[in-house]
Amino acid sequence: MSKKIGLYIGGRRFDVDVDDKFANFLEVQMEKDFNIEGNNEIKSVMQAYVRKNYELYIQNKDVKSILDKFEK
C-alpha cells in the first residue's frame, strides 16, 4: 500500500506517494523540518535538504569508520 503525503512549497502543493511503512517515518521527519499546516519558502526546503545530506554524510563516515576497524 502507499500513502500520499503533501507539502506546500512556494504557495504550491506537492504530493508524493510513499510506502505505508516509510510514510510514518517521513511524516515525523517532515514535521521537524517543515511547516506541515502552512506554506514553506523555498529557502527552508533548501536548508532541510542540506541538513539531511549532512546527516547522511556523517552516517556514511561513521559506517566507513566501523568497517575500517573490522578490516584491520
N, C-alpha and C. Protein backbone atom coordinates (compact mmCIF):
# COMPACT_ATOMS: atom_id res chain seq x y z
N MET A 1 0.84 -1.19 0.00
CA MET A 1 0.00 0.00 0.00
C MET A 1 0.88 1.24 0.00
N SER A 2 0.29 2.32 -0.47
CA SER A 2 1.01 3.58 -0.45
C SER A 2 0.14 4.65 0.20
N LYS A 3 0.82 5.69 0.63
CA LYS A 3 0.14 6.79 1.29
C LYS A 3 0.60 8.09 0.62
N LYS A 4 -0.32 9.02 0.44
CA LYS A 4 0.00 10.30 -0.16
C LYS A 4 0.33 11.30 0.94
N ILE A 5 1.47 11.95 0.79
CA ILE A 5 1.91 12.98 1.73
C ILE A 5 2.10 14.26 0.94
N GLY A 6 1.56 15.37 1.49
CA GLY A 6 1.64 16.63 0.78
C GLY A 6 2.32 17.71 1.58
N LEU A 7 2.85 18.69 0.85
CA LEU A 7 3.54 19.80 1.46
C LEU A 7 3.40 21.02 0.55
N TYR A 8 3.14 22.18 1.15
CA TYR A 8 3.08 23.41 0.38
C TYR A 8 4.45 24.06 0.35
N ILE A 9 4.92 24.33 -0.86
CA ILE A 9 6.22 24.98 -1.06
C ILE A 9 6.01 26.11 -2.05
N GLY A 10 6.36 27.32 -1.62
CA GLY A 10 6.20 28.47 -2.50
C GLY A 10 4.78 28.67 -2.97
N GLY A 11 3.82 28.32 -2.10
CA GLY A 11 2.42 28.52 -2.44
C GLY A 11 1.81 27.41 -3.28
N ARG A 12 2.58 26.39 -3.62
CA ARG A 12 2.06 25.26 -4.42
C ARG A 12 2.10 24.00 -3.58
N ARG A 13 1.10 23.16 -3.77
CA ARG A 13 1.06 21.89 -3.05
C ARG A 13 1.75 20.81 -3.88
N PHE A 14 2.62 20.07 -3.21
CA PHE A 14 3.31 18.95 -3.82
C PHE A 14 2.95 17.70 -3.04
N ASP A 15 2.48 16.68 -3.76
CA ASP A 15 2.10 15.41 -3.15
C ASP A 15 3.02 14.31 -3.66
N VAL A 16 3.38 13.41 -2.76
CA VAL A 16 4.17 12.24 -3.14
C VAL A 16 3.50 11.01 -2.56
N ASP A 17 3.58 9.92 -3.30
CA ASP A 17 3.08 8.63 -2.82
C ASP A 17 4.27 7.83 -2.32
N VAL A 18 4.17 7.38 -1.08
CA VAL A 18 5.25 6.58 -0.50
C VAL A 18 4.66 5.34 0.17
N ASP A 19 5.49 4.35 0.37
CA ASP A 19 5.09 3.12 1.05
C ASP A 19 4.58 3.45 2.45
N ASP A 20 3.56 2.74 2.89
CA ASP A 20 2.97 2.98 4.21
C ASP A 20 3.99 2.95 5.34
N LYS A 21 4.88 1.97 5.30
CA LYS A 21 5.87 1.85 6.37
C LYS A 21 6.81 3.04 6.40
N PHE A 22 7.20 3.52 5.24
CA PHE A 22 8.08 4.69 5.16
C PHE A 22 7.31 5.97 5.47
N ALA A 23 6.03 6.00 5.17
CA ALA A 23 5.21 7.20 5.36
C ALA A 23 5.22 7.68 6.81
N ASN A 24 5.11 6.78 7.74
CA ASN A 24 5.11 7.17 9.16
C ASN A 24 6.42 7.84 9.54
N PHE A 25 7.52 7.25 9.12
CA PHE A 25 8.84 7.83 9.39
C PHE A 25 8.96 9.20 8.72
N LEU A 26 8.57 9.28 7.46
CA LEU A 26 8.69 10.52 6.70
C LEU A 26 7.86 11.64 7.31
N GLU A 27 6.66 11.34 7.75
CA GLU A 27 5.81 12.36 8.36
C GLU A 27 6.46 12.95 9.61
N VAL A 28 7.05 12.12 10.43
CA VAL A 28 7.72 12.61 11.64
C VAL A 28 8.89 13.51 11.26
N GLN A 29 9.67 13.08 10.28
CA GLN A 29 10.83 13.87 9.85
C GLN A 29 10.39 15.20 9.23
N MET A 30 9.34 15.17 8.42
CA MET A 30 8.86 16.39 7.78
C MET A 30 8.33 17.39 8.80
N GLU A 31 7.72 16.89 9.86
CA GLU A 31 7.23 17.79 10.91
C GLU A 31 8.38 18.52 11.60
N LYS A 32 9.55 17.89 11.64
CA LYS A 32 10.73 18.53 12.23
C LYS A 32 11.30 19.61 11.31
N ASP A 33 11.17 19.40 10.00
CA ASP A 33 11.82 20.28 9.03
C ASP A 33 10.92 21.35 8.42
N PHE A 34 9.62 21.11 8.40
CA PHE A 34 8.72 21.98 7.65
C PHE A 34 7.48 22.38 8.44
N ASN A 35 6.82 23.39 7.95
CA ASN A 35 5.51 23.80 8.44
C ASN A 35 4.50 22.92 7.71
N ILE A 36 4.02 21.90 8.37
CA ILE A 36 3.12 20.93 7.74
C ILE A 36 1.76 21.54 7.41
N GLU A 37 1.31 22.46 8.22
CA GLU A 37 -0.02 23.04 8.05
C GLU A 37 -0.05 24.23 7.10
N GLY A 38 1.10 24.84 6.83
CA GLY A 38 1.11 26.05 6.02
C GLY A 38 2.15 25.99 4.91
N ASN A 39 2.47 27.16 4.41
CA ASN A 39 3.40 27.29 3.30
C ASN A 39 4.84 27.25 3.79
N ASN A 40 5.72 26.74 2.95
CA ASN A 40 7.15 26.70 3.21
C ASN A 40 7.86 27.45 2.09
N GLU A 41 8.76 28.30 2.47
CA GLU A 41 9.55 29.02 1.48
C GLU A 41 10.60 28.08 0.90
N ILE A 42 11.00 28.37 -0.31
CA ILE A 42 11.99 27.55 -0.99
C ILE A 42 13.29 27.50 -0.19
N LYS A 43 13.65 28.60 0.47
CA LYS A 43 14.87 28.63 1.27
C LYS A 43 14.84 27.58 2.37
N SER A 44 13.69 27.40 3.02
CA SER A 44 13.61 26.40 4.09
C SER A 44 13.71 24.98 3.54
N VAL A 45 13.24 24.77 2.32
CA VAL A 45 13.36 23.46 1.69
C VAL A 45 14.84 23.18 1.40
N MET A 46 15.54 24.18 0.90
CA MET A 46 16.97 24.02 0.62
C MET A 46 17.75 23.76 1.91
N GLN A 47 17.41 24.47 2.97
CA GLN A 47 18.09 24.26 4.26
C GLN A 47 17.85 22.84 4.77
N ALA A 48 16.63 22.34 4.64
CA ALA A 48 16.32 20.99 5.07
C ALA A 48 17.09 19.97 4.22
N TYR A 49 17.19 20.22 2.94
CA TYR A 49 17.93 19.33 2.04
C TYR A 49 19.40 19.25 2.45
N VAL A 50 20.00 20.39 2.70
CA VAL A 50 21.41 20.42 3.11
C VAL A 50 21.58 19.73 4.46
N ARG A 51 20.68 19.99 5.39
CA ARG A 51 20.75 19.39 6.72
C ARG A 51 20.66 17.85 6.63
N LYS A 52 19.75 17.34 5.83
CA LYS A 52 19.60 15.89 5.69
C LYS A 52 20.81 15.27 5.00
N ASN A 53 21.36 15.96 4.02
CA ASN A 53 22.55 15.43 3.37
C ASN A 53 23.75 15.44 4.30
N TYR A 54 23.83 16.41 5.19
CA TYR A 54 24.90 16.42 6.18
C TYR A 54 24.74 15.23 7.12
N GLU A 55 23.53 14.95 7.53
CA GLU A 55 23.27 13.77 8.38
C GLU A 55 23.71 12.49 7.66
N LEU A 56 23.40 12.40 6.37
CA LEU A 56 23.80 11.24 5.57
C LEU A 56 25.32 11.15 5.47
N TYR A 57 25.98 12.28 5.29
CA TYR A 57 27.44 12.33 5.23
C TYR A 57 28.04 11.78 6.52
N ILE A 58 27.53 12.22 7.66
CA ILE A 58 28.04 11.76 8.96
C ILE A 58 27.79 10.27 9.12
N GLN A 59 26.61 9.79 8.74
CA GLN A 59 26.31 8.36 8.83
C GLN A 59 27.28 7.54 7.97
N ASN A 60 27.50 7.99 6.74
CA ASN A 60 28.42 7.28 5.85
C ASN A 60 29.84 7.27 6.41
N LYS A 61 30.24 8.38 6.97
CA LYS A 61 31.57 8.48 7.58
C LYS A 61 31.69 7.50 8.75
N ASP A 62 30.65 7.43 9.59
CA ASP A 62 30.64 6.51 10.73
C ASP A 62 30.66 5.05 10.28
N VAL A 63 29.90 4.72 9.26
CA VAL A 63 29.87 3.36 8.74
C VAL A 63 31.23 2.98 8.19
N LYS A 64 31.85 3.88 7.45
CA LYS A 64 33.18 3.62 6.90
C LYS A 64 34.18 3.40 8.03
N SER A 65 34.09 4.19 9.07
CA SER A 65 34.99 4.04 10.22
C SER A 65 34.82 2.68 10.88
N ILE A 66 33.59 2.24 11.04
CA ILE A 66 33.31 0.93 11.64
C ILE A 66 33.84 -0.19 10.74
N LEU A 67 33.60 -0.08 9.44
CA LEU A 67 34.08 -1.10 8.50
C LEU A 67 35.60 -1.17 8.49
N ASP A 68 36.24 -0.01 8.56
CA ASP A 68 37.70 0.03 8.59
C ASP A 68 38.25 -0.72 9.80
N LYS A 69 37.57 -0.63 10.93
CA LYS A 69 38.00 -1.34 12.14
C LYS A 69 37.91 -2.86 11.96
N PHE A 70 36.91 -3.33 11.23
CA PHE A 70 36.76 -4.76 11.00
C PHE A 70 37.80 -5.29 10.02
N GLU A 71 38.25 -4.42 9.11
CA GLU A 71 39.22 -4.85 8.11
C GLU A 71 40.62 -4.97 8.67
N LYS A 72 40.88 -4.41 9.83
CA LYS A 72 42.23 -4.47 10.43
C LYS A 72 42.47 -5.72 11.17
